[in-house]
């Protein structure tokens, strides 16, 4: 009862005194949460209705009153829960695709996967499961129990994305760590495929590494990250602004084939919006990643990177929720691009970056030659927020240069595909197979 009253009071304060733009059902639901836990739908609805009714008697401004009145219809409108049917259709479509391997190397793999998919108990799948949305991930049991050769075929795109750091870059990291406290840190700031090679020479990689180390030096010098107490006080916004985005910008600076814009305005994803508005009458908002990597071509915007971040102190619930949110965003992104052009299969992928606490995870969703989405956990590293040993700096450098290398290839592939699409547009375009979240999770 006490938590019920506290939630009502928080929502009332928002409705009476909060910024006008913040008054919406999403913000209201956030205030109704008990820490990181979302109460049952009917419980949330009761809290919201009481807070709205109470607030309306105290609001004199007509525009604010109208804005608050809009919240109740938002809460009462419900979207039909077609989750079971969507999952069933996706599993059937996956089975059909597995019946038709596109190349000889996939025959044995597809046969093995088909048997495993046939053994899936569909009634136990939910919208949070990758298989339900037709995604085969490298951390699924069905993948990890494949025979050695079959798994090697499945993991081939993942293997081609990773490269060993050049010795000269490792030496640069060594020099930076060893001389950090003594030296003044400088503030100066075709046709390619993933084939396990760097797309720039070592001289260019060293220049990018220097940019990254400058950012790392700024982080190490920032008093906001100096003590465990100050670390625990930092908000998600501060972490994204002061650490995550600067590191990503340094990684993607001066790409040889053009710019990638990092947007941190939490703008809605066009890919998510497109998927969510299929077959609905009233327009729905797309999901809003913390950061997106965008390119613009012919007045169209394409989303190539999605990033979700927590605070420096991250709960397991937040980590799990962001993980699910991220692979769903990458699947929507891949489907959106496939509707406009067809980048090379087993090569082009949408990148998903998750920052959970002090660990950064690099993921990629790649469609194989049959169009089956495959989700790979490419690499992860700890972000050293204070002067640290060489191994942590080297791991962070590896993941950021790998991101850069992947994006050089992916940008090239999508630009080639867009050129080809002007004369040969995609046929038989399928909507995103991402299972719609139940109404109470929207």
Protein backbone atom coordinates (compact mmCIF):
# COMPACT_ATOMS: atom_id res chain seq x y z
CA UNK A 1 0.00 0.00 0.00
CA UNK A 2 2.86 2.38 0.86
CA UNK A 3 4.57 1.81 -2.50
CA UNK A 4 1.18 2.34 -4.20
CA UNK A 5 0.82 5.76 -2.56
CA UNK A 6 4.42 6.71 -3.36
CA UNK A 7 3.91 5.86 -7.04
CA UNK A 8 0.73 7.97 -7.20
CA UNK A 9 2.52 10.91 -5.56
CA UNK A 10 5.45 10.70 -8.02
CA UNK A 11 3.11 10.64 -11.02
CA UNK A 12 1.06 13.53 -9.60
CA UNK A 13 4.22 15.62 -9.25
CA UNK A 14 5.12 14.86 -12.86
CA UNK A 15 1.67 15.79 -14.15
CA UNK A 16 1.46 19.00 -12.10
CA UNK A 17 5.03 20.29 -12.31
CA UNK A 18 6.95 18.23 -14.87
CA UNK A 19 8.12 19.47 -18.30
CA UNK A 20 5.24 19.53 -20.77
CA UNK A 21 7.04 17.24 -23.24
CA UNK A 22 7.63 14.63 -20.52
CA UNK A 23 3.92 14.02 -19.94
CA UNK A 24 3.18 10.78 -21.78
CA UNK A 25 2.26 7.20 -20.97
CA UNK A 26 5.88 5.99 -21.19
CA UNK A 27 7.08 8.45 -18.52
CA UNK A 28 4.06 7.72 -16.36
CA UNK A 29 4.71 3.97 -16.51
CA UNK A 30 8.37 4.59 -15.57
CA UNK A 31 7.23 6.47 -12.44
CA UNK A 32 4.88 3.59 -11.60
CA UNK A 33 7.75 1.10 -11.52
CA UNK A 34 9.00 -0.29 -8.22
CA UNK A 35 12.76 0.16 -8.65
CA UNK A 36 13.45 -1.88 -11.81
CA UNK A 37 10.32 -4.01 -11.58
CA UNK A 38 7.16 -3.28 -13.56
CA UNK A 39 4.01 -4.23 -11.58
CA UNK A 40 1.16 -6.14 -13.27
CA UNK A 41 -0.76 -4.22 -15.94
CA UNK A 42 -3.95 -3.78 -13.88
CA UNK A 43 -1.89 -2.52 -10.93
CA UNK A 44 -0.17 0.09 -13.13
CA UNK A 45 -3.47 1.11 -14.66
CA UNK A 46 -4.99 1.66 -11.20
CA UNK A 47 -2.05 3.83 -10.11
CA UNK A 48 -2.21 5.92 -13.29
CA UNK A 49 -5.98 6.44 -13.17
CA UNK A 50 -5.90 7.63 -9.56
CA UNK A 51 -2.97 9.98 -10.19
CA UNK A 52 -4.61 11.45 -13.30
CA UNK A 53 -7.99 11.99 -11.62
CA UNK A 54 -6.34 13.63 -8.61
CA UNK A 55 -4.16 15.87 -10.80
CA UNK A 56 -7.03 17.06 -12.99
CA UNK A 57 -8.74 18.70 -10.00
CA UNK A 58 -5.61 20.81 -9.36
CA UNK A 59 -4.60 21.84 -12.90
CA UNK A 60 -5.77 25.25 -14.09
CA UNK A 61 -3.82 25.50 -17.35
CA UNK A 62 -6.10 24.24 -20.17
CA UNK A 63 -3.27 22.95 -22.36
CA UNK A 64 -1.69 20.93 -19.52
CA UNK A 65 -5.10 19.56 -18.54
CA UNK A 66 -5.70 18.37 -22.12
CA UNK A 67 -2.25 16.74 -22.19
CA UNK A 68 -2.97 14.88 -18.94
CA UNK A 69 -6.40 13.79 -20.21
CA UNK A 70 -4.71 12.12 -23.18
CA UNK A 71 -2.88 9.68 -20.89
CA UNK A 72 -5.95 7.66 -19.86
CA UNK A 73 -7.05 6.78 -23.40
CA UNK A 74 -3.43 5.76 -24.09
CA UNK A 75 -3.57 3.38 -21.17
CA UNK A 76 -7.01 2.00 -21.97
CA UNK A 77 -6.38 1.31 -25.66
CA UNK A 78 -5.09 -2.22 -25.98
CA UNK A 79 -3.37 -3.92 -28.87
CA UNK A 80 -4.48 -7.49 -29.58
CA UNK A 81 -1.92 -10.02 -28.36
CA UNK A 82 -1.07 -12.06 -31.47
CA UNK A 83 2.21 -13.31 -30.04
CA UNK A 84 1.40 -17.04 -30.35
CA UNK A 85 0.38 -16.73 -33.99
CA UNK A 86 3.46 -14.64 -34.86
CA UNK A 87 5.80 -17.13 -33.20
CA UNK A 88 4.13 -20.03 -35.00
CA UNK A 89 4.44 -18.30 -38.37
CA UNK A 90 8.09 -17.45 -37.75
CA UNK A 91 8.99 -21.03 -36.79
CA UNK A 92 7.17 -22.36 -39.88
CA UNK A 93 9.01 -19.85 -42.09
CA UNK A 94 12.34 -20.78 -40.50
CA UNK A 95 11.67 -24.47 -41.21
CA UNK A 96 10.83 -23.61 -44.81
CA UNK A 97 14.06 -21.62 -45.25
CA UNK A 98 16.07 -24.48 -43.75
CA UNK A 99 14.63 -26.76 -46.46
CA UNK A 100 16.38 -24.69 -49.13
CA UNK A 101 20.09 -24.09 -48.47
CA UNK A 102 21.59 -21.66 -50.97
CA UNK A 103 25.10 -23.14 -51.13
CA UNK A 104 26.59 -26.61 -50.74
CA UNK A 105 28.39 -25.75 -47.48
CA UNK A 106 25.05 -25.02 -45.80
CA UNK A 107 23.39 -28.38 -46.60
CA UNK A 108 24.67 -30.29 -43.57
CA UNK A 109 24.21 -27.27 -41.27
CA UNK A 110 20.62 -26.67 -42.40
CA UNK A 111 19.75 -30.37 -42.01
CA UNK A 112 21.01 -30.34 -38.42
CA UNK A 113 19.25 -27.07 -37.62
CA UNK A 114 16.02 -28.31 -39.15
CA UNK A 115 15.98 -31.29 -36.77
CA UNK A 116 16.64 -29.03 -33.80
CA UNK A 117 13.94 -26.54 -34.84
CA UNK A 118 11.46 -29.41 -35.24
CA UNK A 119 12.10 -30.29 -31.58
CA UNK A 120 11.34 -26.78 -30.30
CA UNK A 121 8.33 -26.60 -28.00
CA UNK A 122 6.68 -23.51 -29.47
CA UNK A 123 4.36 -23.13 -26.48
CA UNK A 124 7.40 -22.36 -24.31
CA UNK A 125 8.70 -19.54 -26.55
CA UNK A 126 7.97 -15.89 -25.77
CA UNK A 127 8.65 -12.61 -27.56
CA UNK A 128 11.96 -12.36 -25.64
CA UNK A 129 13.40 -15.53 -27.26
CA UNK A 130 15.55 -15.09 -30.34
CA UNK A 131 14.16 -18.23 -32.00
CA UNK A 132 10.63 -16.80 -31.74
CA UNK A 133 11.70 -13.97 -34.04
CA UNK A 134 13.59 -16.37 -36.33
CA UNK A 135 17.06 -15.37 -35.10
CA UNK A 136 19.72 -18.06 -34.69
CA UNK A 137 22.32 -16.80 -32.22
CA UNK A 138 25.74 -18.18 -31.36
CA UNK A 139 24.75 -18.54 -27.70
CA UNK A 140 21.72 -20.78 -28.32
CA UNK A 141 21.94 -24.40 -27.21
CA UNK A 142 20.93 -25.60 -30.69
CA UNK A 143 24.02 -23.85 -32.10
CA UNK A 144 26.42 -24.90 -29.35
CA UNK A 145 25.43 -28.58 -29.73
CA UNK A 146 26.12 -28.69 -33.48
CA UNK A 147 28.88 -30.93 -34.76
CA UNK A 148 32.26 -29.23 -35.13
CA UNK A 149 32.13 -28.73 -38.90
CA UNK A 150 28.51 -27.55 -38.84
CA UNK A 151 29.26 -25.01 -36.13
CA UNK A 152 32.33 -23.82 -38.04
CA UNK A 153 30.11 -23.11 -41.07
CA UNK A 154 27.59 -21.24 -38.90
CA UNK A 155 30.30 -19.18 -37.18
CA UNK A 156 32.07 -18.25 -40.41
CA UNK A 157 30.74 -14.63 -40.56
CA UNK A 158 31.77 -14.14 -36.90
CA UNK A 159 35.25 -15.52 -37.55
CA UNK A 160 35.74 -13.22 -40.54
CA UNK A 161 34.87 -10.13 -38.50
CA UNK A 162 37.65 -10.57 -35.92
CA UNK A 163 41.29 -9.62 -36.46
CA UNK A 164 44.40 -9.73 -34.28
CA UNK A 165 45.72 -6.33 -33.23
CA UNK A 166 48.88 -5.26 -35.11
CA UNK A 167 51.99 -5.33 -32.91
CA UNK A 168 52.53 -1.61 -33.54
CA UNK A 169 49.08 -0.77 -32.12
CA UNK A 170 49.77 -2.90 -29.03
CA UNK A 171 53.06 -1.01 -28.63
CA UNK A 172 51.15 2.28 -28.85
CA UNK A 173 48.83 1.13 -26.03
CA UNK A 174 51.85 0.09 -23.94
CA UNK A 175 53.48 3.48 -24.39
CA UNK A 176 50.27 5.31 -23.48
CA UNK A 177 49.72 3.40 -20.23
CA UNK A 178 53.36 3.53 -19.14
CA UNK A 179 53.73 7.27 -19.78
CA UNK A 180 50.26 8.49 -18.80
CA UNK A 181 51.17 10.08 -15.47
CA UNK A 182 54.50 11.52 -16.66
CA UNK A 183 53.66 12.93 -20.06
CA UNK A 184 51.35 15.61 -21.32
CA UNK A 185 48.60 13.91 -23.32
CA UNK A 186 48.25 15.40 -26.75
CA UNK A 187 44.76 16.70 -27.52
CA UNK A 188 45.46 16.79 -31.23
CA UNK A 189 43.27 15.18 -32.30
CA UNK A 190 35.77 -0.35 -53.84
CA UNK A 191 34.75 -3.19 -53.14
CA UNK A 192 35.60 -4.78 -49.84
CA UNK A 193 34.36 -7.71 -47.75
CA UNK A 194 34.83 -9.12 -44.28
CA UNK A 195 37.82 -11.41 -44.76
CA UNK A 196 39.66 -11.27 -41.42
CA UNK A 197 41.85 -8.37 -42.55
CA UNK A 198 42.11 -4.72 -41.59
CA UNK A 199 40.83 -2.30 -44.23
CA UNK A 200 43.35 0.42 -43.33
CA UNK A 201 47.12 0.29 -43.05
CA UNK A 202 48.90 0.34 -39.71
CA UNK A 203 49.75 4.02 -40.02
CA UNK A 204 46.04 4.90 -40.26
CA UNK A 205 45.15 2.49 -37.45
CA UNK A 206 47.74 4.12 -35.19
CA UNK A 207 46.20 7.55 -35.89
CA UNK A 208 42.76 6.23 -34.88
CA UNK A 209 44.28 4.54 -31.82
CA UNK A 210 45.73 7.91 -30.82
CA UNK A 211 42.27 9.49 -31.02
CA UNK A 212 40.88 6.72 -28.81
CA UNK A 213 43.71 7.08 -26.28
CA UNK A 214 43.13 10.84 -26.10
CA UNK A 215 39.49 10.18 -25.18
CA UNK A 216 40.58 7.56 -22.66
CA UNK A 217 42.98 10.09 -21.14
CA UNK A 218 40.12 12.59 -20.77
CA UNK A 219 38.02 9.93 -19.04
CA UNK A 220 40.90 9.06 -16.70
CA UNK A 221 41.29 12.75 -15.84
CA UNK A 222 37.58 13.32 -15.22
CA UNK A 223 36.86 13.71 -11.46
CA UNK A 224 33.37 12.31 -12.04
CA UNK A 225 34.97 8.87 -12.45
CA UNK A 226 37.70 9.22 -9.81
CA UNK A 227 36.11 7.35 -6.87
CA UNK A 228 33.63 4.54 -6.35
CA UNK A 229 31.25 7.03 -4.75
CA UNK A 230 31.33 9.42 -7.71
CA UNK A 231 30.96 6.50 -10.12
CA UNK A 232 27.79 5.30 -8.40
CA UNK A 233 26.29 8.80 -8.58
CA UNK A 234 26.57 9.18 -12.36
CA UNK A 235 23.36 8.97 -14.38
CA UNK A 236 22.94 6.99 -17.58
CA UNK A 237 22.91 10.25 -19.53
CA UNK A 238 26.24 11.36 -18.06
CA UNK A 239 27.81 7.98 -18.82
CA UNK A 240 26.59 8.00 -22.41
CA UNK A 241 27.63 11.62 -22.98
CA UNK A 242 31.04 11.57 -21.25
CA UNK A 243 32.24 8.03 -21.95
CA UNK A 244 30.28 5.93 -24.43
CA UNK A 245 29.73 8.42 -27.26
CA UNK A 246 33.25 9.96 -27.15
CA UNK A 247 34.81 6.49 -27.44
CA UNK A 248 32.50 5.56 -30.33
CA UNK A 249 33.20 8.88 -32.09
CA UNK A 250 36.95 8.35 -31.75
CA UNK A 251 36.55 4.84 -33.18
CA UNK A 252 34.63 6.07 -36.22
CA UNK A 253 36.56 9.30 -36.90
CA UNK A 254 37.53 10.00 -40.54
CA UNK A 255 36.33 6.74 -42.05
CA UNK A 256 37.95 6.27 -45.47
CA UNK A 257 34.56 5.88 -47.17
CA UNK A 258 32.60 8.70 -45.57
CA UNK A 259 30.98 9.69 -42.32
CA UNK A 260 28.73 7.86 -39.93
CA UNK A 261 26.72 10.25 -37.76
CA UNK A 262 26.23 9.25 -34.13
CA UNK A 263 22.86 10.52 -32.93
CA UNK A 264 22.33 10.53 -29.17
CA UNK A 265 19.05 12.45 -29.18
CA UNK A 266 17.06 9.25 -28.44
CA UNK A 267 15.22 9.80 -31.72
CA UNK A 268 12.80 7.07 -32.68
CA UNK A 269 14.17 4.36 -34.93
CA UNK A 270 12.65 4.50 -38.42
CA UNK A 271 13.12 0.74 -38.73
CA UNK A 272 11.28 0.09 -35.46
CA UNK A 273 8.53 2.56 -36.39
CA UNK A 274 8.05 0.87 -39.77
CA UNK A 275 7.69 -2.56 -38.18
CA UNK A 276 5.37 -1.39 -35.37
CA UNK A 277 3.01 0.36 -37.78
CA UNK A 278 2.43 -2.62 -40.06
CA UNK A 279 -1.28 -3.39 -40.06
CA UNK A 280 -2.31 -0.80 -37.45
CA UNK A 281 -4.68 2.14 -37.85
CA UNK A 282 -3.25 4.65 -35.37
CA UNK A 283 0.43 5.51 -35.76
CA UNK A 284 2.76 4.05 -33.13
CA UNK A 285 6.14 5.41 -32.06
CA UNK A 286 9.30 3.53 -32.89
CA UNK A 287 11.73 2.44 -30.19
CA UNK A 288 14.33 5.02 -29.14
CA UNK A 289 17.86 3.61 -28.83
CA UNK A 290 20.29 5.56 -26.63
CA UNK A 291 22.59 6.12 -29.62
CA UNK A 292 22.24 5.35 -33.34
CA UNK A 293 24.82 5.30 -36.11
CA UNK A 294 23.24 6.87 -39.20
CA UNK A 295 24.17 7.49 -42.82
CA UNK A 296 22.26 9.56 -45.37
CA UNK A 297 21.96 8.67 -49.04
CA UNK A 298 19.59 10.20 -51.60
CA UNK A 299 17.65 11.99 -48.84
CA UNK A 300 17.05 8.66 -47.07
CA UNK A 301 18.39 7.88 -43.59
CA UNK A 302 19.77 4.42 -42.85
CA UNK A 303 20.42 3.05 -39.37
CA UNK A 304 23.58 0.92 -39.23
CA UNK A 305 24.35 0.96 -35.48
CA UNK A 306 22.12 0.74 -32.40
CA UNK A 307 23.47 1.33 -28.89
CA UNK A 308 21.85 0.69 -25.52
CA UNK A 309 23.60 1.73 -22.32
CA UNK A 310 23.03 1.46 -18.59
CA UNK A 311 24.46 3.52 -15.76
CA UNK A 312 27.92 2.58 -14.51
CA UNK A 313 26.16 0.56 -11.81
CA UNK A 314 24.02 -1.91 -13.77
CA UNK A 315 21.46 -4.41 -12.49
CA UNK A 316 21.04 -7.84 -14.08
CA UNK A 317 17.46 -6.91 -15.00
CA UNK A 318 18.62 -3.83 -16.91
CA UNK A 319 21.37 -5.82 -18.62
CA UNK A 320 18.92 -8.53 -19.71
CA UNK A 321 16.27 -6.04 -20.87
CA UNK A 322 18.78 -4.04 -22.93
CA UNK A 323 20.13 -7.25 -24.46
CA UNK A 324 16.65 -8.19 -25.69
CA UNK A 325 15.91 -4.64 -26.83
CA UNK A 326 19.17 -4.50 -28.80
CA UNK A 327 18.79 -7.68 -30.84
CA UNK A 328 15.21 -6.69 -31.66
CA UNK A 329 16.42 -3.27 -32.86
CA UNK A 330 19.12 -4.84 -35.05
CA UNK A 331 16.57 -7.25 -36.55
CA UNK A 332 14.22 -4.37 -37.38
CA UNK A 333 17.16 -2.46 -38.87
CA UNK A 334 18.24 -5.37 -41.08
CA UNK A 335 14.65 -5.90 -42.27
CA UNK A 336 14.24 -2.18 -43.03
CA UNK A 337 17.38 -2.13 -45.20
CA UNK A 338 16.43 -5.43 -46.91
CA UNK A 339 13.21 -3.79 -48.07
CA UNK A 340 15.22 -1.09 -49.88
CA UNK A 341 18.27 -2.99 -51.11
CA UNK A 342 20.01 -6.34 -50.75
CA UNK A 343 23.52 -6.08 -49.31
CA UNK A 344 25.74 -9.15 -49.67
CA UNK A 345 24.54 -12.08 -47.54
CA UNK A 346 26.85 -13.55 -44.89
CA UNK A 347 28.69 -10.20 -44.97
CA UNK A 348 26.60 -7.09 -44.28
CA UNK A 349 25.27 -6.77 -40.75
CA UNK A 350 23.55 -4.31 -38.46
CA UNK A 351 25.73 -3.59 -35.43
CA UNK A 352 24.37 -3.59 -31.88
CA UNK A 353 26.47 -2.15 -29.05
CA UNK A 354 25.48 -2.79 -25.44
CA UNK A 355 27.18 -1.05 -22.55
CA UNK A 356 26.24 -2.86 -19.35
CA UNK A 357 28.00 -1.28 -16.40
CA UNK A 358 31.66 -0.95 -17.34
CA UNK A 359 31.55 -3.68 -20.02
CA UNK A 360 30.99 -2.90 -23.70
CA UNK A 361 29.61 -5.67 -25.93
CA UNK A 362 29.92 -5.62 -29.74
CA UNK A 363 27.23 -7.61 -31.56
CA UNK A 364 26.19 -7.98 -35.19
CA UNK A 365 23.07 -9.31 -36.90
CA UNK A 366 23.90 -10.80 -40.32
CA UNK A 367 21.48 -12.39 -42.79
CA UNK A 368 22.74 -15.51 -44.52
CA UNK A 369 22.21 -16.24 -48.21
CA UNK A 370 18.71 -17.58 -47.53
CA UNK A 371 17.81 -14.46 -45.56
CA UNK A 372 17.91 -16.12 -42.13
CA UNK A 373 19.03 -13.61 -39.47
CA UNK A 374 22.05 -14.68 -37.41
CA UNK A 375 23.05 -12.78 -34.27
CA UNK A 376 26.71 -12.82 -33.24
CA UNK A 377 28.37 -11.69 -30.01
CA UNK A 378 31.53 -10.50 -31.72
CA UNK A 379 33.55 -9.21 -28.78
CA UNK A 380 33.40 -7.58 -25.36
CA UNK A 381 35.78 -5.58 -23.20
CA UNK A 382 35.86 -3.64 -19.96
CA UNK A 383 35.94 0.14 -20.25
CA UNK A 384 38.78 1.24 -17.92
CA UNK A 385 37.38 4.36 -16.22
CA UNK A 386 40.61 5.10 -14.32
CA UNK A 387 44.33 4.51 -15.05
CA UNK A 388 44.55 0.80 -15.66
CA UNK A 389 46.79 -2.01 -16.86
CA UNK A 390 47.69 -2.61 -20.48
CA UNK A 391 45.43 -5.67 -20.92
CA UNK A 392 42.27 -3.63 -20.32
CA UNK A 393 43.38 -0.84 -22.63
CA UNK A 394 44.36 -3.35 -25.30
CA UNK A 395 40.97 -5.11 -25.06
CA UNK A 396 39.10 -1.83 -25.39
CA UNK A 397 41.30 -0.83 -28.33
CA UNK A 398 40.64 -4.16 -30.03
CA UNK A 399 36.86 -3.84 -29.78
CA UNK A 400 36.79 -0.21 -30.98
CA UNK A 401 39.07 -0.84 -33.96
CA UNK A 402 37.04 -3.96 -34.79
CA UNK A 403 33.89 -1.81 -34.76
CA UNK A 404 35.60 0.63 -37.13
CA UNK A 405 36.71 -2.15 -39.47
CA UNK A 406 33.22 -3.68 -39.53
CA UNK A 407 31.62 -0.32 -40.29
CA UNK A 408 34.02 0.43 -43.16
CA UNK A 409 32.93 -2.84 -44.80
CA UNK A 410 29.24 -2.51 -43.90
CA UNK A 411 29.02 1.05 -45.21
CA UNK A 412 30.68 -0.02 -48.45
CA UNK A 413 28.30 -2.98 -48.84
CA UNK A 414 25.14 -0.98 -48.23
CA UNK A 415 26.24 1.79 -50.61
CA UNK A 416 26.90 -0.78 -53.34
CA UNK A 417 23.53 -2.41 -52.69
CA UNK A 418 21.72 0.94 -52.85
CA UNK A 419 23.37 1.65 -56.20
CA UNK A 420 22.24 -1.71 -57.56
CA UNK A 421 18.72 -1.19 -56.18
CA UNK A 422 18.16 1.84 -58.43
CA UNK A 423 17.97 -0.49 -61.44
CA UNK A 424 17.13 -3.77 -59.67
CA UNK A 425 14.92 -3.06 -56.63
CA UNK A 426 14.35 -5.92 -54.15
CA UNK A 427 11.51 -8.32 -54.92
CA UNK A 428 9.48 -10.48 -52.52
CA UNK A 429 10.13 -8.10 -49.64
CA UNK A 430 9.23 -9.60 -46.26
CA UNK A 431 8.30 -7.56 -43.17
CA UNK A 432 10.45 -7.74 -40.06
CA UNK A 433 9.86 -11.07 -38.26
CA UNK A 434 10.37 -9.37 -34.88
CA UNK A 435 7.57 -10.63 -32.63
CA UNK A 436 5.39 -7.77 -31.38
CA UNK A 437 5.73 -7.18 -27.64
CA UNK A 438 2.55 -7.83 -25.63
CA UNK A 439 0.55 -4.63 -24.92
CA UNK A 440 1.81 -4.24 -21.35
CA UNK A 441 5.45 -4.22 -22.58
CA UNK A 442 4.98 -1.55 -25.26
